[in-house]
Amino acid sequence: MRNLCTLREIYRVIRDFEEKFQQEHGLSLNEGMLLCGLKSKQCTSSEIAKALGLTNSNTSKVIKSAEDKGYIERSIGKDDKRQMYFSITEAGRIKIANIGTEGQAINTLLKEIVDKSKDV
């Protein structure tokens, strides 16, 4: 039962973090992870879906939203003109740089939950 209660607390922390992240940065957590994934390379939508653990449909929505905000752009493949590649824009690089150390905050919260669950 303790593991189930701990899992519930972790879920709550992540949900609260995502809500705060959206309010502060104007990005969903998936959009933020997309920008992180595109920081150093361009990817196809299939590669993005696999990296984010999303369905193709959900990936398309995340890509479209980030594209509409000007944070990513698409280009046609050089070898295969049917293939689309996505890369981060300068605005996207600035956005992800401004987000900074958000990961440290969630790591601290998760550590506190795990430590607290050991006491129960």
C-alpha atoms as a PDB file:
ATOM      1  CA  MET A   1       0.000   0.000   0.000  1.00  0.00           C
ATOM      2  CA  ARG A   2       2.901   2.350   0.742  1.00  0.00           C
ATOM      3  CA  ASN A   3       4.112   2.126  -2.887  1.00  0.00           C
ATOM      4  CA  LEU A   4       0.651   3.011  -4.152  1.00  0.00           C
ATOM      5  CA  CYS A   5       0.458   6.044  -1.870  1.00  0.00           C
ATOM      6  CA  THR A   6       3.951   7.135  -2.931  1.00  0.00           C
ATOM      7  CA  LEU A   7       3.009   6.763  -6.582  1.00  0.00           C
ATOM      8  CA  ARG A   8      -0.060   8.939  -5.992  1.00  0.00           C
ATOM      9  CA  GLU A   9       2.121  11.638  -4.420  1.00  0.00           C
ATOM     10  CA  ILE A  10       4.546  11.510  -7.352  1.00  0.00           C
ATOM     11  CA  TYR A  11       1.655  11.862  -9.790  1.00  0.00           C
ATOM     12  CA  ARG A  12       0.337  14.860  -7.838  1.00  0.00           C
ATOM     13  CA  VAL A  13       3.744  16.564  -7.813  1.00  0.00           C
ATOM     14  CA  ILE A  14       4.161  16.080 -11.557  1.00  0.00           C
ATOM     15  CA  ARG A  15       0.633  17.383 -12.246  1.00  0.00           C
ATOM     16  CA  ASP A  16       1.224  20.440 -10.061  1.00  0.00           C
ATOM     17  CA  PHE A  17       4.624  21.008 -11.665  1.00  0.00           C
ATOM     18  CA  GLU A  18       3.126  20.807 -15.160  1.00  0.00           C
ATOM     19  CA  GLU A  19       0.406  23.312 -14.262  1.00  0.00           C
ATOM     20  CA  LYS A  20       2.947  25.750 -12.795  1.00  0.00           C
ATOM     21  CA  PHE A  21       5.274  25.194 -15.778  1.00  0.00           C
ATOM     22  CA  GLN A  22       2.447  26.021 -18.206  1.00  0.00           C
ATOM     23  CA  GLN A  23       1.530  29.187 -16.329  1.00  0.00           C
ATOM     24  CA  GLU A  24       5.103  30.437 -15.999  1.00  0.00           C
ATOM     25  CA  HIS A  25       6.420  29.545 -19.444  1.00  0.00           C
ATOM     26  CA  GLY A  26       3.380  29.296 -21.717  1.00  0.00           C
ATOM     27  CA  LEU A  27       4.383  25.766 -22.712  1.00  0.00           C
ATOM     28  CA  SER A  28       2.996  22.365 -21.944  1.00  0.00           C
ATOM     29  CA  LEU A  29       5.464  19.916 -20.456  1.00  0.00           C
ATOM     30  CA  ASN A  30       5.446  17.998 -23.753  1.00  0.00           C
ATOM     31  CA  GLU A  31       6.306  21.179 -25.663  1.00  0.00           C
ATOM     32  CA  GLY A  32       9.171  21.815 -23.252  1.00  0.00           C
ATOM     33  CA  MET A  33      10.444  18.269 -23.707  1.00  0.00           C
ATOM     34  CA  LEU A  34      10.147  18.691 -27.482  1.00  0.00           C
ATOM     35  CA  LEU A  35      12.348  21.788 -27.357  1.00  0.00           C
ATOM     36  CA  CYS A  36      14.876  19.960 -25.183  1.00  0.00           C
ATOM     37  CA  GLY A  37      14.969  17.083 -27.651  1.00  0.00           C
ATOM     38  CA  LEU A  38      15.533  19.390 -30.604  1.00  0.00           C
ATOM     39  CA  LYS A  39      18.283  21.461 -28.941  1.00  0.00           C
ATOM     40  CA  SER A  40      21.083  19.558 -30.618  1.00  0.00           C
ATOM     41  CA  LYS A  41      19.538  17.840 -33.638  1.00  0.00           C
ATOM     42  CA  GLN A  42      16.643  17.805 -36.031  1.00  0.00           C
ATOM     43  CA  CYS A  43      14.169  14.921 -35.867  1.00  0.00           C
ATOM     44  CA  THR A  44      11.286  13.398 -37.768  1.00  0.00           C
ATOM     45  CA  SER A  45       7.846  13.279 -36.173  1.00  0.00           C
ATOM     46  CA  SER A  46       8.285   9.524 -35.617  1.00  0.00           C
ATOM     47  CA  GLU A  47      11.547  10.111 -33.755  1.00  0.00           C
ATOM     48  CA  ILE A  48       9.869  12.806 -31.680  1.00  0.00           C
ATOM     49  CA  ALA A  49       6.925  10.509 -30.849  1.00  0.00           C
ATOM     50  CA  LYS A  50       9.288   7.779 -29.707  1.00  0.00           C
ATOM     51  CA  ALA A  51      11.433  10.157 -27.641  1.00  0.00           C
ATOM     52  CA  LEU A  52       8.419  11.735 -25.920  1.00  0.00           C
ATOM     53  CA  GLY A  53       6.483   8.489 -25.543  1.00  0.00           C
ATOM     54  CA  LEU A  54       3.439   9.903 -27.323  1.00  0.00           C
ATOM     55  CA  THR A  55       1.109   8.591 -29.990  1.00  0.00           C
ATOM     56  CA  ASN A  56       1.552   9.964 -33.498  1.00  0.00           C
ATOM     57  CA  SER A  57      -1.677  11.932 -33.084  1.00  0.00           C
ATOM     58  CA  ASN A  58      -0.574  13.570 -29.824  1.00  0.00           C
ATOM     59  CA  THR A  59       2.863  14.239 -31.281  1.00  0.00           C
ATOM     60  CA  SER A  60       1.287  16.084 -34.210  1.00  0.00           C
ATOM     61  CA  LYS A  61      -0.615  18.315 -31.771  1.00  0.00           C
ATOM     62  CA  VAL A  62       2.528  19.105 -29.754  1.00  0.00           C
ATOM     63  CA  ILE A  63       4.501  19.851 -32.934  1.00  0.00           C
ATOM     64  CA  LYS A  64       1.731  22.075 -34.306  1.00  0.00           C
ATOM     65  CA  SER A  65       1.468  24.024 -31.060  1.00  0.00           C
ATOM     66  CA  ALA A  66       5.246  24.584 -30.794  1.00  0.00           C
ATOM     67  CA  GLU A  67       5.345  25.527 -34.476  1.00  0.00           C
ATOM     68  CA  ASP A  68       2.501  28.033 -34.047  1.00  0.00           C
ATOM     69  CA  LYS A  69       4.435  29.635 -31.179  1.00  0.00           C
ATOM     70  CA  GLY A  70       7.495  29.969 -33.430  1.00  0.00           C
ATOM     71  CA  TYR A  71       9.693  27.637 -31.380  1.00  0.00           C
ATOM     72  CA  ILE A  72      10.252  24.960 -34.023  1.00  0.00           C
ATOM     73  CA  GLU A  73      10.266  24.826 -37.794  1.00  0.00           C
ATOM     74  CA  ARG A  74       9.910  22.101 -40.380  1.00  0.00           C
ATOM     75  CA  SER A  75      12.000  21.379 -43.428  1.00  0.00           C
ATOM     76  CA  ILE A  76      11.741  18.872 -46.252  1.00  0.00           C
ATOM     77  CA  GLY A  77      14.244  16.011 -46.342  1.00  0.00           C
ATOM     78  CA  LYS A  78      17.075  16.349 -48.833  1.00  0.00           C
ATOM     79  CA  ASP A  79      17.132  12.689 -49.866  1.00  0.00           C
ATOM     80  CA  ASP A  80      13.447  11.909 -49.413  1.00  0.00           C
ATOM     81  CA  LYS A  81      11.213  14.858 -50.237  1.00  0.00           C
ATOM     82  CA  ARG A  82       8.289  13.128 -48.497  1.00  0.00           C
ATOM     83  CA  GLN A  83      10.066  13.228 -45.126  1.00  0.00           C
ATOM     84  CA  MET A  84       9.661  16.229 -42.814  1.00  0.00           C
ATOM     85  CA  TYR A  85      12.299  17.201 -40.287  1.00  0.00           C
ATOM     86  CA  PHE A  86      11.776  19.474 -37.307  1.00  0.00           C
ATOM     87  CA  SER A  87      14.359  21.708 -35.688  1.00  0.00           C
ATOM     88  CA  ILE A  88      14.391  24.342 -32.992  1.00  0.00           C
ATOM     89  CA  THR A  89      14.304  28.028 -33.976  1.00  0.00           C
ATOM     90  CA  GLU A  90      16.296  30.808 -32.350  1.00  0.00           C
ATOM     91  CA  ALA A  91      13.133  31.779 -30.426  1.00  0.00           C
ATOM     92  CA  GLY A  92      12.923  28.169 -29.218  1.00  0.00           C
ATOM     93  CA  ARG A  93      16.566  28.213 -28.093  1.00  0.00           C
ATOM     94  CA  ILE A  94      15.946  31.411 -26.155  1.00  0.00           C
ATOM     95  CA  LYS A  95      12.784  29.961 -24.594  1.00  0.00           C
ATOM     96  CA  ILE A  96      14.486  26.755 -23.449  1.00  0.00           C
ATOM     97  CA  ALA A  97      17.487  28.713 -22.111  1.00  0.00           C
ATOM     98  CA  ASN A  98      15.139  30.927 -20.082  1.00  0.00           C
ATOM     99  CA  ILE A  99      13.498  27.887 -18.522  1.00  0.00           C
ATOM    100  CA  GLY A 100      16.856  27.002 -17.006  1.00  0.00           C
ATOM    101  CA  THR A 101      16.908  24.720 -13.998  1.00  0.00           C
ATOM    102  CA  GLU A 102      13.236  23.727 -13.697  1.00  0.00           C
ATOM    103  CA  GLY A 103      14.298  20.082 -13.561  1.00  0.00           C
ATOM    104  CA  GLN A 104      16.071  20.649 -10.267  1.00  0.00           C
ATOM    105  CA  ALA A 105      12.838  21.782  -8.625  1.00  0.00           C
ATOM    106  CA  ILE A 106      10.954  18.630  -9.565  1.00  0.00           C
ATOM    107  CA  ASN A 107      13.906  16.426  -8.593  1.00  0.00           C
ATOM    108  CA  THR A 108      13.891  18.006  -5.137  1.00  0.00           C
ATOM    109  CA  LEU A 109      10.135  17.438  -4.746  1.00  0.00           C
ATOM    110  CA  LEU A 110      10.360  13.819  -5.889  1.00  0.00           C
ATOM    111  CA  LYS A 111      13.275  13.155  -3.526  1.00  0.00           C
ATOM    112  CA  GLU A 112      11.253  14.574  -0.635  1.00  0.00           C
ATOM    113  CA  ILE A 113       8.341  12.258  -1.457  1.00  0.00           C
ATOM    114  CA  VAL A 114      10.559   9.195  -1.685  1.00  0.00           C
ATOM    115  CA  ASP A 115      12.316  10.107   1.568  1.00  0.00           C
ATOM    116  CA  LYS A 116       8.962  10.673   3.282  1.00  0.00           C
ATOM    117  CA  SER A 117       7.657   7.300   2.067  1.00  0.00           C
ATOM    118  CA  LYS A 118      10.604   5.550   3.752  1.00  0.00           C
ATOM    119  CA  ASP A 119       9.441   6.910   7.103  1.00  0.00           C
ATOM    120  CA  VAL A 120       5.921   5.448   6.755  1.00  0.00           C
END
